[in-house]
Amino acid sequence: GAGGGAFFVPADGGAPPPTDDAGDVDEPQTLLQILSEHLSLAFL
């Protein structure tokens, strides 16, 4: 996504909080980092 790929998994099932993406520029993630995030998301 355009926001840098941050995941939000709410504990209560609610909507994610609003984000301010204007000054938030993350460096691109490697494939290994992406896969570890996907595994974490799948577990949660």
Full PDB file with SEQRES, HELIX, SHEET, SSBOND, CRYST1, ORIGX, SCALE, CONECT and MASTER records, all heavy atoms in Angstrom:
SEQRES   1 A   44  GLY ALA GLY GLY GLY ALA PHE PHE VAL PRO ALA ASP GLY          
SEQRES   2 A   44  GLY ALA PRO PRO PRO THR ASP ASP ALA GLY ASP VAL ASP          
SEQRES   3 A   44  GLU PRO GLN THR LEU LEU GLN ILE LEU SER GLU HIS LEU          
SEQRES   4 A   44  SER LEU ALA PHE LEU                                          
HELIX    1 AA1 LEU A   31  PHE A   43  1                                  13    
CRYST1    1.000    1.000    1.000  90.00  90.00  90.00 P 1           1          
ORIGX1      1.000000  0.000000  0.000000        0.00000                         
ORIGX2      0.000000  1.000000  0.000000        0.00000                         
ORIGX3      0.000000  0.000000  1.000000        0.00000                         
SCALE1      1.000000  0.000000  0.000000        0.00000                         
SCALE2      0.000000  1.000000  0.000000        0.00000                         
SCALE3      0.000000  0.000000  1.000000        0.00000                         
ATOM      1  N   GLY A   1       0.821  -1.200   0.000  1.00  0.00           N  
ATOM      2  CA  GLY A   1       0.000   0.000   0.000  1.00  0.00           C  
ATOM      3  C   GLY A   1       0.849   1.241   0.000  1.00  0.00           C  
ATOM      4  O   GLY A   1       2.061   1.228   0.126  1.00  0.00           O  
ATOM      5  N   ALA A   2       0.189   2.381  -0.150  1.00  0.00           N  
ATOM      6  CA  ALA A   2       0.886   3.654  -0.218  1.00  0.00           C  
ATOM      7  C   ALA A   2       1.398   4.100   1.124  1.00  0.00           C  
ATOM      8  O   ALA A   2       2.292   4.914   1.225  1.00  0.00           O  
ATOM      9  CB  ALA A   2      -0.049   4.719  -0.799  1.00  0.00           C  
ATOM     10  N   GLY A   3       0.851   3.569   2.196  1.00  0.00           N  
ATOM     11  CA  GLY A   3       1.246   4.000   3.523  1.00  0.00           C  
ATOM     12  C   GLY A   3       2.487   3.324   4.056  1.00  0.00           C  
ATOM     13  O   GLY A   3       2.865   3.558   5.182  1.00  0.00           O  
ATOM     14  N   GLY A   4       3.152   2.490   3.301  1.00  0.00           N  
ATOM     15  CA  GLY A   4       4.399   1.899   3.759  1.00  0.00           C  
ATOM     16  C   GLY A   4       4.276   0.460   4.183  1.00  0.00           C  
ATOM     17  O   GLY A   4       5.255  -0.169   4.509  1.00  0.00           O  
ATOM     18  N   GLY A   5       3.079  -0.095   4.229  1.00  0.00           N  
ATOM     19  CA  GLY A   5       2.951  -1.505   4.524  1.00  0.00           C  
ATOM     20  C   GLY A   5       2.767  -1.832   5.983  1.00  0.00           C  
ATOM     21  O   GLY A   5       2.933  -2.959   6.390  1.00  0.00           O  
ATOM     22  N   ALA A   6       2.411  -0.841   6.809  1.00  0.00           N  
ATOM     23  CA  ALA A   6       2.210  -1.122   8.226  1.00  0.00           C  
ATOM     24  C   ALA A   6       0.917  -1.900   8.410  1.00  0.00           C  
ATOM     25  O   ALA A   6      -0.087  -1.604   7.784  1.00  0.00           O  
ATOM     26  CB  ALA A   6       2.163   0.179   9.012  1.00  0.00           C  
ATOM     27  N   PHE A   7       0.962  -2.901   9.262  1.00  0.00           N  
ATOM     28  CA  PHE A   7      -0.217  -3.707   9.541  1.00  0.00           C  
ATOM     29  C   PHE A   7      -0.849  -3.220  10.822  1.00  0.00           C  
ATOM     30  O   PHE A   7      -0.177  -2.778  11.741  1.00  0.00           O  
ATOM     31  CB  PHE A   7       0.151  -5.180   9.706  1.00  0.00           C  
ATOM     32  CG  PHE A   7       0.659  -5.798   8.455  1.00  0.00           C  
ATOM     33  CD1 PHE A   7       1.973  -6.179   8.344  1.00  0.00           C  
ATOM     34  CD2 PHE A   7      -0.180  -5.995   7.385  1.00  0.00           C  
ATOM     35  CE1 PHE A   7       2.446  -6.756   7.191  1.00  0.00           C  
ATOM     36  CE2 PHE A   7       0.282  -6.580   6.227  1.00  0.00           C  
ATOM     37  CZ  PHE A   7       1.593  -6.957   6.131  1.00  0.00           C  
ATOM     38  N   PHE A   8      -2.156  -3.322  10.902  1.00  0.00           N  
ATOM     39  CA  PHE A   8      -2.857  -3.009  12.131  1.00  0.00           C  
ATOM     40  C   PHE A   8      -3.840  -4.131  12.371  1.00  0.00           C  
ATOM     41  O   PHE A   8      -4.723  -4.376  11.560  1.00  0.00           O  
ATOM     42  CB  PHE A   8      -3.599  -1.669  12.026  1.00  0.00           C  
ATOM     43  CG  PHE A   8      -4.377  -1.338  13.263  1.00  0.00           C  
ATOM     44  CD1 PHE A   8      -3.734  -0.861  14.387  1.00  0.00           C  
ATOM     45  CD2 PHE A   8      -5.741  -1.530  13.321  1.00  0.00           C  
ATOM     46  CE1 PHE A   8      -4.440  -0.565  15.535  1.00  0.00           C  
ATOM     47  CE2 PHE A   8      -6.456  -1.248  14.462  1.00  0.00           C  
ATOM     48  CZ  PHE A   8      -5.798  -0.756  15.569  1.00  0.00           C  
ATOM     49  N   VAL A   9      -3.654  -4.841  13.466  1.00  0.00           N  
ATOM     50  CA  VAL A   9      -4.565  -5.912  13.835  1.00  0.00           C  
ATOM     51  C   VAL A   9      -5.188  -5.513  15.167  1.00  0.00           C  
ATOM     52  O   VAL A   9      -4.554  -5.600  16.210  1.00  0.00           O  
ATOM     53  CB  VAL A   9      -3.835  -7.265  13.974  1.00  0.00           C  
ATOM     54  CG1 VAL A   9      -4.804  -8.346  14.374  1.00  0.00           C  
ATOM     55  CG2 VAL A   9      -3.136  -7.616  12.682  1.00  0.00           C  
ATOM     56  N   PRO A  10      -6.426  -5.007  15.140  1.00  0.00           N  
ATOM     57  CA  PRO A  10      -7.047  -4.575  16.385  1.00  0.00           C  
ATOM     58  C   PRO A  10      -7.417  -5.753  17.273  1.00  0.00           C  
ATOM     59  O   PRO A  10      -7.897  -6.777  16.787  1.00  0.00           O  
ATOM     60  CB  PRO A  10      -8.296  -3.835  15.913  1.00  0.00           C  
ATOM     61  CG  PRO A  10      -8.604  -4.417  14.580  1.00  0.00           C  
ATOM     62  CD  PRO A  10      -7.280  -4.832  13.987  1.00  0.00           C  
ATOM     63  N   ALA A  11      -7.166  -5.605  18.545  1.00  0.00           N  
ATOM     64  CA  ALA A  11      -7.486  -6.665  19.497  1.00  0.00           C  
ATOM     65  C   ALA A  11      -8.991  -6.816  19.673  1.00  0.00           C  
ATOM     66  O   ALA A  11      -9.491  -7.906  19.907  1.00  0.00           O  
ATOM     67  CB  ALA A  11      -6.828  -6.384  20.845  1.00  0.00           C  
ATOM     68  N   ASP A  12      -9.720  -5.714  19.532  1.00  0.00           N  
ATOM     69  CA  ASP A  12     -11.163  -5.760  19.744  1.00  0.00           C  
ATOM     70  C   ASP A  12     -11.951  -5.852  18.440  1.00  0.00           C  
ATOM     71  O   ASP A  12     -13.173  -5.849  18.449  1.00  0.00           O  
ATOM     72  CB  ASP A  12     -11.613  -4.540  20.532  1.00  0.00           C  
ATOM     73  CG  ASP A  12     -11.312  -3.236  19.816  1.00  0.00           C  
ATOM     74  OD1 ASP A  12     -10.684  -3.270  18.742  1.00  0.00           O  
ATOM     75  OD2 ASP A  12     -11.711  -2.183  20.335  1.00  0.00           O  
ATOM     76  N   GLY A  13     -11.258  -5.912  17.295  1.00  0.00           N  
ATOM     77  CA  GLY A  13     -11.944  -6.021  16.014  1.00  0.00           C  
ATOM     78  C   GLY A  13     -12.396  -4.689  15.457  1.00  0.00           C  
ATOM     79  O   GLY A  13     -13.090  -4.646  14.462  1.00  0.00           O  
ATOM     80  N   GLY A  14     -11.988  -3.578  16.076  1.00  0.00           N  
ATOM     81  CA  GLY A  14     -12.392  -2.256  15.619  1.00  0.00           C  
ATOM     82  C   GLY A  14     -11.601  -1.784  14.416  1.00  0.00           C  
ATOM     83  O   GLY A  14     -10.709  -2.460  13.918  1.00  0.00           O  
ATOM     84  N   ALA A  15     -11.925  -0.589  13.966  1.00  0.00           N  
ATOM     85  CA  ALA A  15     -11.255   0.003  12.813  1.00  0.00           C  
ATOM     86  C   ALA A  15      -9.886   0.544  13.221  1.00  0.00           C  
ATOM     87  O   ALA A  15      -9.673   0.905  14.375  1.00  0.00           O  
ATOM     88  CB  ALA A  15     -12.115   1.131  12.253  1.00  0.00           C  
ATOM     89  N   PRO A  16      -8.945   0.613  12.269  1.00  0.00           N  
ATOM     90  CA  PRO A  16      -7.628   1.152  12.590  1.00  0.00           C  
ATOM     91  C   PRO A  16      -7.710   2.649  12.882  1.00  0.00           C  
ATOM     92  O   PRO A  16      -8.586   3.340  12.370  1.00  0.00           O  
ATOM     93  CB  PRO A  16      -6.804   0.884  11.330  1.00  0.00           C  
ATOM     94  CG  PRO A  16      -7.781   0.663  10.249  1.00  0.00           C  
ATOM     95  CD  PRO A  16      -9.038   0.164  10.887  1.00  0.00           C  
ATOM     96  N   PRO A  17      -6.792   3.162  13.702  1.00  0.00           N  
ATOM     97  CA  PRO A  17      -6.793   4.585  14.003  1.00  0.00           C  
ATOM     98  C   PRO A  17      -6.365   5.384  12.782  1.00  0.00           C  
ATOM     99  O   PRO A  17      -5.655   4.866  11.913  1.00  0.00           O  
ATOM    100  CB  PRO A  17      -5.763   4.711  15.138  1.00  0.00           C  
ATOM    101  CG  PRO A  17      -4.854   3.561  14.932  1.00  0.00           C  
ATOM    102  CD  PRO A  17      -5.712   2.462  14.379  1.00  0.00           C  
ATOM    103  N   PRO A  18      -6.786   6.642  12.681  1.00  0.00           N  
ATOM    104  CA  PRO A  18      -6.356   7.460  11.540  1.00  0.00           C  
ATOM    105  C   PRO A  18      -4.854   7.701  11.603  1.00  0.00           C  
ATOM    106  O   PRO A  18      -4.273   7.830  12.677  1.00  0.00           O  
ATOM    107  CB  PRO A  18      -7.144   8.762  11.725  1.00  0.00           C  
ATOM    108  CG  PRO A  18      -7.551   8.774  13.147  1.00  0.00           C  
ATOM    109  CD  PRO A  18      -7.640   7.359  13.596  1.00  0.00           C  
ATOM    110  N   THR A  19      -4.221   7.740  10.428  1.00  0.00           N  
ATOM    111  CA  THR A  19      -2.783   7.942  10.371  1.00  0.00           C  
ATOM    112  C   THR A  19      -2.450   9.219   9.634  1.00  0.00           C  
ATOM    113  O   THR A  19      -3.186   9.663   8.764  1.00  0.00           O  
ATOM    114  CB  THR A  19      -2.085   6.769   9.657  1.00  0.00           C  
ATOM    115  OG1 THR A  19      -2.620   6.664   8.334  1.00  0.00           O  
ATOM    116  CG2 THR A  19      -2.294   5.468  10.392  1.00  0.00           C  
ATOM    117  N   ASP A  20      -1.323   9.807   9.997  1.00  0.00           N  
ATOM    118  CA  ASP A  20      -0.818  10.992   9.321  1.00  0.00           C  
ATOM    119  C   ASP A  20       0.396  10.559   8.527  1.00  0.00           C  
ATOM    120  O   ASP A  20       1.487  10.403   9.073  1.00  0.00           O  
ATOM    121  CB  ASP A  20      -0.451  12.067  10.352  1.00  0.00           C  
ATOM    122  CG  ASP A  20       0.094  13.322   9.692  1.00  0.00           C  
ATOM    123  OD1 ASP A  20      -0.227  13.553   8.512  1.00  0.00           O  
ATOM    124  OD2 ASP A  20       0.849  14.061  10.368  1.00  0.00           O  
ATOM    125  N   ASP A  21       0.208  10.350   7.212  1.00  0.00           N  
ATOM    126  CA  ASP A  21       1.271   9.826   6.369  1.00  0.00           C  
ATOM    127  C   ASP A  21       2.113  10.912   5.731  1.00  0.00           C  
ATOM    128  O   ASP A  21       2.989  10.615   4.929  1.00  0.00           O  
ATOM    129  CB  ASP A  21       0.679   8.947   5.257  1.00  0.00           C  
ATOM    130  CG  ASP A  21       0.085   7.676   5.816  1.00  0.00           C  
ATOM    131  OD1 ASP A  21       0.497   7.282   6.920  1.00  0.00           O  
ATOM    132  OD2 ASP A  21      -0.787   7.093   5.152  1.00  0.00           O  
ATOM    133  N   ALA A  22       1.887  12.180   6.043  1.00  0.00           N  
ATOM    134  CA  ALA A  22       2.588  13.274   5.375  1.00  0.00           C  
ATOM    135  C   ALA A  22       4.100  13.197   5.590  1.00  0.00           C  
ATOM    136  O   ALA A  22       4.879  13.281   4.650  1.00  0.00           O  
ATOM    137  CB  ALA A  22       2.051  14.614   5.856  1.00  0.00           C  
ATOM    138  N   GLY A  23       4.558  13.037   6.809  1.00  0.00           N  
ATOM    139  CA  GLY A  23       5.992  13.011   7.076  1.00  0.00           C  
ATOM    140  C   GLY A  23       6.511  11.636   7.428  1.00  0.00           C  
ATOM    141  O   GLY A  23       7.637  11.497   7.876  1.00  0.00           O  
ATOM    142  N   ASP A  24       5.701  10.632   7.208  1.00  0.00           N  
ATOM    143  CA  ASP A  24       6.068   9.281   7.617  1.00  0.00           C  
ATOM    144  C   ASP A  24       6.555   8.489   6.403  1.00  0.00           C  
ATOM    145  O   ASP A  24       5.774   7.886   5.690  1.00  0.00           O  
ATOM    146  CB  ASP A  24       4.853   8.596   8.245  1.00  0.00           C  
ATOM    147  CG  ASP A  24       5.228   7.317   8.964  1.00  0.00           C  
ATOM    148  OD1 ASP A  24       6.409   7.164   9.312  1.00  0.00           O  
ATOM    149  OD2 ASP A  24       4.324   6.497   9.182  1.00  0.00           O  
ATOM    150  N   VAL A  25       7.865   8.502   6.173  1.00  0.00           N  
ATOM    151  CA  VAL A  25       8.434   7.776   5.043  1.00  0.00           C  
ATOM    152  C   VAL A  25       9.344   6.684   5.590  1.00  0.00           C  
ATOM    153  O   VAL A  25      10.384   6.961   6.178  1.00  0.00           O  
ATOM    154  CB  VAL A  25       9.225   8.727   4.121  1.00  0.00           C  
ATOM    155  CG1 VAL A  25       9.842   7.954   2.978  1.00  0.00           C  
ATOM    156  CG2 VAL A  25       8.346   9.838   3.618  1.00  0.00           C  
ATOM    157  N   ASP A  26       8.914   5.433   5.409  1.00  0.00           N  
ATOM    158  CA  ASP A  26       9.693   4.289   5.865  1.00  0.00           C  
ATOM    159  C   ASP A  26      10.552   3.777   4.720  1.00  0.00           C  
ATOM    160  O   ASP A  26      10.194   3.904   3.558  1.00  0.00           O  
ATOM    161  CB  ASP A  26       8.775   3.158   6.336  1.00  0.00           C  
ATOM    162  CG  ASP A  26       7.990   3.531   7.575  1.00  0.00           C  
ATOM    163  OD1 ASP A  26       8.491   4.352   8.356  1.00  0.00           O  
ATOM    164  OD2 ASP A  26       6.880   2.997   7.749  1.00  0.00           O  
ATOM    165  N   GLU A  27      11.682   3.178   5.083  1.00  0.00           N  
ATOM    166  CA  GLU A  27      12.499   2.557   4.058  1.00  0.00           C  
ATOM    167  C   GLU A  27      11.815   1.276   3.602  1.00  0.00           C  
ATOM    168  O   GLU A  27      11.073   0.652   4.354  1.00  0.00           O  
ATOM    169  CB  GLU A  27      13.905   2.275   4.573  1.00  0.00           C  
ATOM    170  CG  GLU A  27      13.976   1.269   5.694  1.00  0.00           C  
ATOM    171  CD  GLU A  27      15.386   1.083   6.199  1.00  0.00           C  
ATOM    172  OE1 GLU A  27      15.989   2.071   6.599  1.00  0.00           O  
ATOM    173  OE2 GLU A  27      15.845  -0.070   6.170  1.00  0.00           O  
ATOM    174  N   PRO A  28      12.032   0.869   2.354  1.00  0.00           N  
ATOM    175  CA  PRO A  28      11.368  -0.334   1.858  1.00  0.00           C  
ATOM    176  C   PRO A  28      11.802  -1.572   2.634  1.00  0.00           C  
ATOM    177  O   PRO A  28      12.937  -1.672   3.090  1.00  0.00           O  
ATOM    178  CB  PRO A  28      11.808  -0.427   0.402  1.00  0.00           C  
ATOM    179  CG  PRO A  28      12.768   0.661   0.159  1.00  0.00           C  
ATOM    180  CD  PRO A  28      12.877   1.506   1.365  1.00  0.00           C  
ATOM    181  N   GLN A  29      10.878  -2.496   2.774  1.00  0.00           N  
ATOM    182  CA  GLN A  29      11.145  -3.724   3.514  1.00  0.00           C  
ATOM    183  C   GLN A  29      11.660  -4.805   2.571  1.00  0.00           C  
ATOM    184  O   GLN A  29      11.244  -4.889   1.423  1.00  0.00           O  
ATOM    185  CB  GLN A  29       9.866  -4.228   4.174  1.00  0.00           C  
ATOM    186  CG  GLN A  29       9.368  -3.363   5.285  1.00  0.00           C  
ATOM    187  CD  GLN A  29       8.124  -3.965   5.908  1.00  0.00           C  
ATOM    188  OE1 GLN A  29       7.205  -4.354   5.204  1.00  0.00           O  
ATOM    189  NE2 GLN A  29       8.117  -4.039   7.222  1.00  0.00           N  
ATOM    190  N   THR A  30      12.522  -5.649   3.126  1.00  0.00           N  
ATOM    191  CA  THR A  30      12.978  -6.802   2.353  1.00  0.00           C  
ATOM    192  C   THR A  30      11.894  -7.866   2.376  1.00  0.00           C  
ATOM    193  O   THR A  30      10.962  -7.817   3.178  1.00  0.00           O  
ATOM    194  CB  THR A  30      14.280  -7.376   2.937  1.00  0.00           C  
ATOM    195  OG1 THR A  30      14.003  -7.872   4.243  1.00  0.00           O  
ATOM    196  CG2 THR A  30      15.379  -6.338   2.978  1.00  0.00           C  
ATOM    197  N   LEU A  31      12.041  -8.829   1.501  1.00  0.00           N  
ATOM    198  CA  LEU A  31      11.061  -9.911   1.428  1.00  0.00           C  
ATOM    199  C   LEU A  31      10.997 -10.688   2.738  1.00  0.00           C  
ATOM    200  O   LEU A  31       9.917 -11.066   3.189  1.00  0.00           O  
ATOM    201  CB  LEU A  31      11.404 -10.854   0.269  1.00  0.00           C  
ATOM    202  CG  LEU A  31      10.457 -12.014   0.030  1.00  0.00           C  
ATOM    203  CD1 LEU A  31       9.044 -11.516  -0.264  1.00  0.00           C  
ATOM    204  CD2 LEU A  31      10.954 -12.884  -1.097  1.00  0.00           C  
ATOM    205  N   LEU A  32      12.127 -10.892   3.377  1.00  0.00           N  
ATOM    206  CA  LEU A  32      12.157 -11.611   4.650  1.00  0.00           C  
ATOM    207  C   LEU A  32      11.369 -10.862   5.726  1.00  0.00           C  
ATOM    208  O   LEU A  32      10.619 -11.470   6.495  1.00  0.00           O  
ATOM    209  CB  LEU A  32      13.607 -11.837   5.092  1.00  0.00           C  
ATOM    210  CG  LEU A  32      13.831 -12.699   6.313  1.00  0.00           C  
ATOM    211  CD1 LEU A  32      13.232 -14.085   6.120  1.00  0.00           C  
ATOM    212  CD2 LEU A  32      15.318 -12.812   6.607  1.00  0.00           C  
ATOM    213  N   GLN A  33      11.498  -9.550   5.773  1.00  0.00           N  
ATOM    214  CA  GLN A  33      10.743  -8.758   6.743  1.00  0.00           C  
ATOM    215  C   GLN A  33       9.248  -8.808   6.444  1.00  0.00           C  
ATOM    216  O   GLN A  33       8.429  -8.913   7.356  1.00  0.00           O  
ATOM    217  CB  GLN A  33      11.229  -7.310   6.719  1.00  0.00           C  
ATOM    218  CG  GLN A  33      12.639  -7.141   7.225  1.00  0.00           C  
ATOM    219  CD  GLN A  33      13.207  -5.774   6.919  1.00  0.00           C  
ATOM    220  OE1 GLN A  33      12.789  -5.107   5.986  1.00  0.00           O  
ATOM    221  NE2 GLN A  33      14.188  -5.361   7.708  1.00  0.00           N  
ATOM    222  N   ILE A  34       8.890  -8.752   5.183  1.00  0.00           N  
ATOM    223  CA  ILE A  34       7.475  -8.825   4.794  1.00  0.00           C  
ATOM    224  C   ILE A  34       6.877 -10.171   5.193  1.00  0.00           C  
ATOM    225  O   ILE A  34       5.774 -10.240   5.740  1.00  0.00           O  
ATOM    226  CB  ILE A  34       7.317  -8.576   3.281  1.00  0.00           C  
ATOM    227  CG1 ILE A  34       7.649  -7.122   2.948  1.00  0.00           C  
ATOM    228  CG2 ILE A  34       5.912  -8.922   2.813  1.00  0.00           C  
ATOM    229  CD1 ILE A  34       7.743  -6.838   1.467  1.00  0.00           C  
ATOM    230  N   LEU A  35       7.625 -11.245   4.954  1.00  0.00           N  
ATOM    231  CA  LEU A  35       7.122 -12.579   5.291  1.00  0.00           C  
ATOM    232  C   LEU A  35       6.952 -12.758   6.797  1.00  0.00           C  
ATOM    233  O   LEU A  35       5.995 -13.390   7.243  1.00  0.00           O  
ATOM    234  CB  LEU A  35       8.045 -13.654   4.724  1.00  0.00           C  
ATOM    235  CG  LEU A  35       8.031 -13.784   3.207  1.00  0.00           C  
ATOM    236  CD1 LEU A  35       9.124 -14.730   2.747  1.00  0.00           C  
ATOM    237  CD2 LEU A  35       6.676 -14.230   2.705  1.00  0.00           C  
ATOM    238  N   SER A  36       7.856 -12.192   7.584  1.00  0.00           N  
ATOM    239  CA  SER A  36       7.701 -12.317   9.040  1.00  0.00           C  
ATOM    240  C   SER A  36       6.488 -11.522   9.515  1.00  0.00           C  
ATOM    241  O   SER A  36       5.782 -11.954  10.433  1.00  0.00           O  
ATOM    242  CB  SER A  36       8.971 -11.878   9.771  1.00  0.00           C  
ATOM    243  OG  SER A  36       9.192 -10.501   9.641  1.00  0.00           O  
ATOM    244  N   GLU A  37       6.205 -10.380   8.886  1.00  0.00           N  
ATOM    245  CA  GLU A  37       4.987  -9.635   9.226  1.00  0.00           C  
ATOM    246  C   GLU A  37       3.738 -10.410   8.837  1.00  0.00           C  
ATOM    247  O   GLU A  37       2.752 -10.421   9.570  1.00  0.00           O  
ATOM    248  CB  GLU A  37       4.985  -8.271   8.540  1.00  0.00           C  
ATOM    249  CG  GLU A  37       5.865  -7.262   9.210  1.00  0.00           C  
ATOM    250  CD  GLU A  37       5.709  -5.881   8.606  1.00  0.00           C  
ATOM    251  OE1 GLU A  37       4.834  -5.690   7.731  1.00  0.00           O  
ATOM    252  OE2 GLU A  37       6.466  -4.994   9.014  1.00  0.00           O  
ATOM    253  N   HIS A  38       3.775 -11.053   7.674  1.00  0.00           N  
ATOM    254  CA  HIS A  38       2.612 -11.835   7.237  1.00  0.00           C  
ATOM    255  C   HIS A  38       2.361 -13.014   8.171  1.00  0.00           C  
ATOM    256  O   HIS A  38       1.206 -13.333   8.473  1.00  0.00           O  
ATOM    257  CB  HIS A  38       2.818 -12.333   5.814  1.00  0.00           C  
ATOM    258  CG  HIS A  38       2.661 -11.260   4.791  1.00  0.00           C  
ATOM    259  ND1 HIS A  38       2.271 -11.524   3.504  1.00  0.00           N  
ATOM    260  CD2 HIS A  38       2.833  -9.924   4.844  1.00  0.00           C  
ATOM    261  CE1 HIS A  38       2.205 -10.402   2.820  1.00  0.00           C  
ATOM    262  NE2 HIS A  38       2.558  -9.417   3.613  1.00  0.00           N  
ATOM    263  N   LEU A  39       3.428 -13.656   8.631  1.00  0.00           N  
ATOM    264  CA  LEU A  39       3.264 -14.757   9.580  1.00  0.00           C  
ATOM    265  C   LEU A  39       2.661 -14.255  10.881  1.00  0.00           C  
ATOM    266  O   LEU A  39       1.748 -14.874  11.430  1.00  0.00           O  
ATOM    267  CB  LEU A  39       4.600 -15.449   9.837  1.00  0.00           C  
ATOM    268  CG  LEU A  39       4.585 -16.586  10.850  1.00  0.00           C  
ATOM    269  CD1 LEU A  39       3.659 -17.707  10.387  1.00  0.00           C  
ATOM    270  CD2 LEU A  39       5.991 -17.109  11.081  1.00  0.00           C  
ATOM    271  N   SER A  40       3.137 -13.135  11.362  1.00  0.00           N  
ATOM    272  CA  SER A  40       2.593 -12.549  12.590  1.00  0.00           C  
ATOM    273  C   SER A  40       1.116 -12.206  12.420  1.00  0.00           C  
ATOM    274  O   SER A  40       0.292 -12.493  13.290  1.00  0.00           O  
ATOM    275  CB  SER A  40       3.387 -11.297  12.955  1.00  0.00           C  
ATOM    276  OG  SER A  40       2.853 -10.673  14.082  1.00  0.00           O  
ATOM    277  N   LEU A  41       0.776 -11.608  11.288  1.00  0.00           N  
ATOM    278  CA  LEU A  41      -0.619 -11.269  10.997  1.00  0.00           C  
ATOM    279  C   LEU A  41      -1.486 -12.524  10.941  1.00  0.00           C  
ATOM    280  O   LEU A  41      -2.591 -12.551  11.479  1.00  0.00           O  
ATOM    281  CB  LEU A  41      -0.710 -10.510   9.676  1.00  0.00           C  
ATOM    282  CG  LEU A  41      -2.100 -10.142   9.192  1.00  0.00           C  
ATOM    283  CD1 LEU A  41      -2.703  -9.075  10.084  1.00  0.00           C  
ATOM    284  CD2 LEU A  41      -2.044  -9.670   7.759  1.00  0.00           C  
ATOM    285  N   ALA A  42      -0.980 -13.579  10.315  1.00  0.00           N  
ATOM    286  CA  ALA A  42      -1.741 -14.831  10.216  1.00  0.00           C  
ATOM    287  C   ALA A  42      -1.962 -15.436  11.600  1.00  0.00           C  
ATOM    288  O   ALA A  42      -3.059 -15.907  11.901  1.00  0.00           O  
ATOM    289  CB  ALA A  42      -1.011 -15.819   9.303  1.00  0.00           C  
ATOM    290  N   PHE A  43      -0.930 -15.430  12.450  1.00  0.00           N  
ATOM    291  CA  PHE A  43      -1.084 -15.951  13.807  1.00  0.00           C  
ATOM    292  C   PHE A  43      -2.129 -15.155  14.586  1.00  0.00           C  
ATOM    293  O   PHE A  43      -2.991 -15.727  15.259  1.00  0.00           O  
ATOM    294  CB  PHE A  43       0.238 -15.898  14.567  1.00  0.00           C  
ATOM    295  CG  PHE A  43       1.148 -17.065  14.330  1.00  0.00           C  
ATOM    296  CD1 PHE A  43       2.515 -16.876  14.300  1.00  0.00           C  
ATOM    297  CD2 PHE A  43       0.657 -18.344  14.157  1.00  0.00           C  
ATOM    298  CE1 PHE A  43       3.375 -17.940  14.091  1.00  0.00           C  
ATOM    299  CE2 PHE A  43       1.504 -19.415  13.950  1.00  0.00           C  
ATOM    300  CZ  PHE A  43       2.871 -19.207  13.917  1.00  0.00           C  
ATOM    301  N   LEU A  44      -2.041 -13.837  14.509  1.00  0.00           N  
ATOM    302  CA  LEU A  44      -2.962 -12.995  15.280  1.00  0.00           C  
ATOM    303  C   LEU A  44      -4.403 -13.135  14.793  1.00  0.00           C  
ATOM    304  O   LEU A  44      -5.335 -13.195  15.602  1.00  0.00           O  
ATOM    305  CB  LEU A  44      -2.522 -11.543  15.228  1.00  0.00           C  
ATOM    306  CG  LEU A  44      -1.255 -11.220  16.007  1.00  0.00           C  
ATOM    307  CD1 LEU A  44      -0.805  -9.793  15.727  1.00  0.00           C  
ATOM    308  CD2 LEU A  44      -1.454 -11.432  17.494  1.00  0.00           C  
TER     309      LEU A  44                                                      
MASTER        0    0    0    1    0    0    0    6  308    1    0    4          
END                                                                             
